[in-house]
């Protein structure tokens, strides 16, 4: 690996691992979650960690690609800032849904998460179609999660 790649690869990998670890730490599949009525099309619980592992790998590669493709340092910093905001929103959804046990509020937060992914796709796509394309599965995954989140609200609400 060239010296030019060490910093972006290291930073993106550590950031993705931190977001994944924090998200996993706040995700509680205990009695409250198990008692929720879920739609018939809810995948088995084992699908989620596998899906998220692939998604985080794609996000990491996208971040590295965007960082390297950014034409200026300022644009690279903006890209990293957008990825950081997205990671924060990703963790926040888990906190609201699982720890606060508020799927209704989590759905509203998920809209912000979804919009942050759209912003990343558009921003990164300005200088790297590859970085943008790598985020499309993430957008699809969060769109599916949003539909599932809404179904949980509809089947179990009101909360609080």
C-alpha atoms as a PDB file:
ATOM      1  CA  UNK A   1       0.000   0.000   0.000  1.00  0.00           C
ATOM      2  CA  UNK A   2       1.388   3.388  -0.922  1.00  0.00           C
ATOM      3  CA  UNK A   3       2.088   5.966   1.755  1.00  0.00           C
ATOM      4  CA  UNK A   4      -0.623   8.181   0.205  1.00  0.00           C
ATOM      5  CA  UNK A   5      -3.254   5.533   0.976  1.00  0.00           C
ATOM      6  CA  UNK A   6      -2.301   4.721   4.564  1.00  0.00           C
ATOM      7  CA  UNK A   7      -4.031   7.709   6.187  1.00  0.00           C
ATOM      8  CA  UNK A   8      -7.383   7.492   4.328  1.00  0.00           C
ATOM      9  CA  UNK A   9      -7.564   3.718   4.706  1.00  0.00           C
ATOM     10  CA  UNK A  10      -6.699   3.847   8.403  1.00  0.00           C
ATOM     11  CA  UNK A  11      -9.060   6.702   9.243  1.00  0.00           C
ATOM     12  CA  UNK A  12     -11.991   5.266   7.250  1.00  0.00           C
ATOM     13  CA  UNK A  13     -11.509   1.771   8.641  1.00  0.00           C
ATOM     14  CA  UNK A  14     -11.233   2.924  12.260  1.00  0.00           C
ATOM     15  CA  UNK A  15     -14.254   5.215  11.844  1.00  0.00           C
ATOM     16  CA  UNK A  16     -16.371   2.430  10.317  1.00  0.00           C
ATOM     17  CA  UNK A  17     -15.347   0.002  13.057  1.00  0.00           C
ATOM     18  CA  UNK A  18     -16.223   2.564  15.740  1.00  0.00           C
ATOM     19  CA  UNK A  19     -19.648   3.278  14.225  1.00  0.00           C
ATOM     20  CA  UNK A  20     -20.319  -0.455  13.854  1.00  0.00           C
ATOM     21  CA  UNK A  21     -19.169  -1.214  17.404  1.00  0.00           C
ATOM     22  CA  UNK A  22     -21.190   1.627  18.936  1.00  0.00           C
ATOM     23  CA  UNK A  23     -24.242   0.643  16.910  1.00  0.00           C
ATOM     24  CA  UNK A  24     -23.906  -2.978  18.000  1.00  0.00           C
ATOM     25  CA  UNK A  25     -23.377  -1.943  21.630  1.00  0.00           C
ATOM     26  CA  UNK A  26     -26.602   0.071  21.799  1.00  0.00           C
ATOM     27  CA  UNK A  27     -28.644  -2.529  19.894  1.00  0.00           C
ATOM     28  CA  UNK A  28     -30.562  -4.609  22.399  1.00  0.00           C
ATOM     29  CA  UNK A  29     -32.488  -7.570  20.981  1.00  0.00           C
ATOM     30  CA  UNK A  30     -33.802  -8.478  24.418  1.00  0.00           C
ATOM     31  CA  UNK A  31     -37.352  -8.938  25.678  1.00  0.00           C
ATOM     32  CA  UNK A  32     -38.695  -5.545  24.590  1.00  0.00           C
ATOM     33  CA  UNK A  33     -37.577  -6.024  20.977  1.00  0.00           C
ATOM     34  CA  UNK A  34     -38.643  -9.674  20.871  1.00  0.00           C
ATOM     35  CA  UNK A  35     -42.115  -8.721  22.116  1.00  0.00           C
ATOM     36  CA  UNK A  36     -42.680  -6.237  19.276  1.00  0.00           C
ATOM     37  CA  UNK A  37     -45.113  -7.336  16.585  1.00  0.00           C
ATOM     38  CA  UNK A  38     -43.196  -7.329  13.312  1.00  0.00           C
ATOM     39  CA  UNK A  39     -44.502  -7.616   9.770  1.00  0.00           C
ATOM     40  CA  UNK A  40     -44.469 -10.993   8.017  1.00  0.00           C
ATOM     41  CA  UNK A  41     -41.708  -9.746   5.716  1.00  0.00           C
ATOM     42  CA  UNK A  42     -39.329  -9.003   8.616  1.00  0.00           C
ATOM     43  CA  UNK A  43     -36.092 -10.906   7.927  1.00  0.00           C
ATOM     44  CA  UNK A  44     -34.612 -13.227  10.567  1.00  0.00           C
ATOM     45  CA  UNK A  45     -32.466 -11.387  13.127  1.00  0.00           C
ATOM     46  CA  UNK A  46     -29.306 -13.065  11.782  1.00  0.00           C
ATOM     47  CA  UNK A  47     -29.673 -11.168   8.473  1.00  0.00           C
ATOM     48  CA  UNK A  48     -29.052  -7.769  10.071  1.00  0.00           C
ATOM     49  CA  UNK A  49     -25.442  -8.217  11.264  1.00  0.00           C
ATOM     50  CA  UNK A  50     -24.523  -9.812   7.932  1.00  0.00           C
ATOM     51  CA  UNK A  51     -26.153  -6.962   6.029  1.00  0.00           C
ATOM     52  CA  UNK A  52     -24.560  -4.287   8.178  1.00  0.00           C
ATOM     53  CA  UNK A  53     -21.118  -5.868   7.821  1.00  0.00           C
ATOM     54  CA  UNK A  54     -21.360  -5.613   4.037  1.00  0.00           C
ATOM     55  CA  UNK A  55     -22.809  -2.101   4.224  1.00  0.00           C
ATOM     56  CA  UNK A  56     -20.026  -0.842   6.528  1.00  0.00           C
ATOM     57  CA  UNK A  57     -17.401  -2.329   4.208  1.00  0.00           C
ATOM     58  CA  UNK A  58     -18.966  -0.501   1.246  1.00  0.00           C
ATOM     59  CA  UNK A  59     -19.209   2.757   3.228  1.00  0.00           C
ATOM     60  CA  UNK A  60     -15.527   2.441   4.161  1.00  0.00           C
ATOM     61  CA  UNK A  61     -14.463   1.884   0.554  1.00  0.00           C
ATOM     62  CA  UNK A  62     -16.697   4.762  -0.550  1.00  0.00           C
ATOM     63  CA  UNK A  63     -15.157   7.112   2.023  1.00  0.00           C
ATOM     64  CA  UNK A  64     -11.627   6.178   0.972  1.00  0.00           C
ATOM     65  CA  UNK A  65     -12.528   6.566  -2.698  1.00  0.00           C
ATOM     66  CA  UNK A  66     -14.188   9.947  -2.127  1.00  0.00           C
ATOM     67  CA  UNK A  67     -11.302  11.209   0.004  1.00  0.00           C
ATOM     68  CA  UNK A  68      -8.776  10.221  -2.648  1.00  0.00           C
ATOM     69  CA  UNK A  69     -10.866  11.592  -5.543  1.00  0.00           C
ATOM     70  CA  UNK A  70     -11.702  14.945  -3.975  1.00  0.00           C
ATOM     71  CA  UNK A  71     -10.062  17.631  -6.113  1.00  0.00           C
ATOM     72  CA  UNK A  72      -9.194  19.859  -3.134  1.00  0.00           C
ATOM     73  CA  UNK A  73      -8.419  19.397   0.532  1.00  0.00           C
ATOM     74  CA  UNK A  74     -11.525  21.414   1.421  1.00  0.00           C
ATOM     75  CA  UNK A  75     -13.747  19.084  -0.614  1.00  0.00           C
ATOM     76  CA  UNK A  76     -12.105  16.062   1.003  1.00  0.00           C
ATOM     77  CA  UNK A  77     -12.804  17.574   4.433  1.00  0.00           C
ATOM     78  CA  UNK A  78     -16.448  18.163   3.494  1.00  0.00           C
ATOM     79  CA  UNK A  79     -16.757  14.555   2.370  1.00  0.00           C
ATOM     80  CA  UNK A  80     -15.280  13.309   5.650  1.00  0.00           C
ATOM     81  CA  UNK A  81     -17.611  15.638   7.553  1.00  0.00           C
ATOM     82  CA  UNK A  82     -20.635  14.244   5.713  1.00  0.00           C
ATOM     83  CA  UNK A  83     -19.511  10.676   6.422  1.00  0.00           C
ATOM     84  CA  UNK A  84     -19.030  11.603  10.105  1.00  0.00           C
ATOM     85  CA  UNK A  85     -22.506  13.157  10.289  1.00  0.00           C
ATOM     86  CA  UNK A  86     -23.930  10.039   8.691  1.00  0.00           C
ATOM     87  CA  UNK A  87     -22.159   7.812  11.219  1.00  0.00           C
ATOM     88  CA  UNK A  88     -23.558   9.917  14.054  1.00  0.00           C
ATOM     89  CA  UNK A  89     -27.088   9.621  12.650  1.00  0.00           C
ATOM     90  CA  UNK A  90     -26.619   5.880  12.172  1.00  0.00           C
ATOM     91  CA  UNK A  91     -25.724   5.385  15.838  1.00  0.00           C
ATOM     92  CA  UNK A  92     -28.446   7.774  16.978  1.00  0.00           C
ATOM     93  CA  UNK A  93     -31.128   5.691  15.257  1.00  0.00           C
ATOM     94  CA  UNK A  94     -30.064   2.620  17.251  1.00  0.00           C
ATOM     95  CA  UNK A  95     -30.058   4.610  20.482  1.00  0.00           C
ATOM     96  CA  UNK A  96     -33.557   5.931  19.888  1.00  0.00           C
ATOM     97  CA  UNK A  97     -35.051   2.658  18.644  1.00  0.00           C
ATOM     98  CA  UNK A  98     -33.441   0.163  21.007  1.00  0.00           C
ATOM     99  CA  UNK A  99     -32.341   2.069  24.131  1.00  0.00           C
ATOM    100  CA  UNK A 100     -35.108   4.652  24.314  1.00  0.00           C
ATOM    101  CA  UNK A 101     -37.575   2.087  22.913  1.00  0.00           C
ATOM    102  CA  UNK A 102     -39.131   4.726  20.690  1.00  0.00           C
ATOM    103  CA  UNK A 103     -39.575   3.360  17.166  1.00  0.00           C
ATOM    104  CA  UNK A 104     -41.819   6.357  16.409  1.00  0.00           C
ATOM    105  CA  UNK A 105     -39.046   8.849  17.134  1.00  0.00           C
ATOM    106  CA  UNK A 106     -36.508   6.556  15.478  1.00  0.00           C
ATOM    107  CA  UNK A 107     -38.509   6.692  12.253  1.00  0.00           C
ATOM    108  CA  UNK A 108     -38.295  10.490  12.230  1.00  0.00           C
ATOM    109  CA  UNK A 109     -34.542  10.278  12.878  1.00  0.00           C
ATOM    110  CA  UNK A 110     -34.256   7.677  10.113  1.00  0.00           C
ATOM    111  CA  UNK A 111     -35.518  10.281   7.651  1.00  0.00           C
ATOM    112  CA  UNK A 112     -32.516  12.456   8.594  1.00  0.00           C
ATOM    113  CA  UNK A 113     -30.230   9.416   8.198  1.00  0.00           C
ATOM    114  CA  UNK A 114     -31.735   8.675   4.774  1.00  0.00           C
ATOM    115  CA  UNK A 115     -31.288  12.315   3.692  1.00  0.00           C
ATOM    116  CA  UNK A 116     -27.651  12.218   4.858  1.00  0.00           C
ATOM    117  CA  UNK A 117     -27.052   9.225   2.585  1.00  0.00           C
ATOM    118  CA  UNK A 118     -28.640  11.097  -0.336  1.00  0.00           C
ATOM    119  CA  UNK A 119     -26.380  14.069   0.461  1.00  0.00           C
ATOM    120  CA  UNK A 120     -23.342  11.759   0.452  1.00  0.00           C
ATOM    121  CA  UNK A 121     -24.322  10.201  -2.865  1.00  0.00           C
ATOM    122  CA  UNK A 122     -24.818  13.609  -4.485  1.00  0.00           C
ATOM    123  CA  UNK A 123     -21.727  15.230  -2.959  1.00  0.00           C
ATOM    124  CA  UNK A 124     -19.357  12.328  -3.599  1.00  0.00           C
ATOM    125  CA  UNK A 125     -20.850  11.774  -7.045  1.00  0.00           C
ATOM    126  CA  UNK A 126     -19.605  15.200  -8.098  1.00  0.00           C
ATOM    127  CA  UNK A 127     -16.044  13.885  -8.157  1.00  0.00           C
ATOM    128  CA  UNK A 128     -16.335  10.089  -7.879  1.00  0.00           C
ATOM    129  CA  UNK A 129     -19.117   8.034  -9.413  1.00  0.00           C
ATOM    130  CA  UNK A 130     -17.577   4.970  -7.790  1.00  0.00           C
ATOM    131  CA  UNK A 131     -17.823   6.461  -4.288  1.00  0.00           C
ATOM    132  CA  UNK A 132     -21.442   7.417  -4.958  1.00  0.00           C
ATOM    133  CA  UNK A 133     -22.334   4.002  -6.414  1.00  0.00           C
ATOM    134  CA  UNK A 134     -20.844   2.221  -3.395  1.00  0.00           C
ATOM    135  CA  UNK A 135     -23.406   4.031  -1.225  1.00  0.00           C
ATOM    136  CA  UNK A 136     -26.447   2.887  -3.206  1.00  0.00           C
ATOM    137  CA  UNK A 137     -26.758  -0.453  -1.325  1.00  0.00           C
ATOM    138  CA  UNK A 138     -26.635   1.517   1.940  1.00  0.00           C
ATOM    139  CA  UNK A 139     -29.443   3.755   0.697  1.00  0.00           C
ATOM    140  CA  UNK A 140     -31.473   0.678  -0.280  1.00  0.00           C
ATOM    141  CA  UNK A 141     -30.779  -1.006   3.078  1.00  0.00           C
ATOM    142  CA  UNK A 142     -31.844   2.075   5.064  1.00  0.00           C
ATOM    143  CA  UNK A 143     -34.918   2.458   2.843  1.00  0.00           C
ATOM    144  CA  UNK A 144     -35.887  -1.116   3.687  1.00  0.00           C
ATOM    145  CA  UNK A 145     -35.115  -0.485   7.365  1.00  0.00           C
ATOM    146  CA  UNK A 146     -37.324   2.602   7.192  1.00  0.00           C
ATOM    147  CA  UNK A 147     -40.240   0.595   5.839  1.00  0.00           C
ATOM    148  CA  UNK A 148     -39.669  -1.998   8.559  1.00  0.00           C
ATOM    149  CA  UNK A 149     -39.396   0.720  11.224  1.00  0.00           C
ATOM    150  CA  UNK A 150     -42.683   2.257  10.040  1.00  0.00           C
ATOM    151  CA  UNK A 151     -44.392  -1.156  10.080  1.00  0.00           C
ATOM    152  CA  UNK A 152     -43.239  -1.667  13.686  1.00  0.00           C
ATOM    153  CA  UNK A 153     -44.716   1.729  14.600  1.00  0.00           C
ATOM    154  CA  UNK A 154     -47.990   0.895  12.887  1.00  0.00           C
ATOM    155  CA  UNK A 155     -48.232  -2.572  14.452  1.00  0.00           C
ATOM    156  CA  UNK A 156     -47.196  -1.594  17.993  1.00  0.00           C
ATOM    157  CA  UNK A 157     -47.878   2.105  18.625  1.00  0.00           C
ATOM    158  CA  UNK A 158     -48.445   4.283  20.433  1.00  0.00           C
ATOM    159  CA  UNK A 159     -45.136   4.443  22.278  1.00  0.00           C
ATOM    160  CA  UNK A 160     -44.144   6.406  25.338  1.00  0.00           C
END
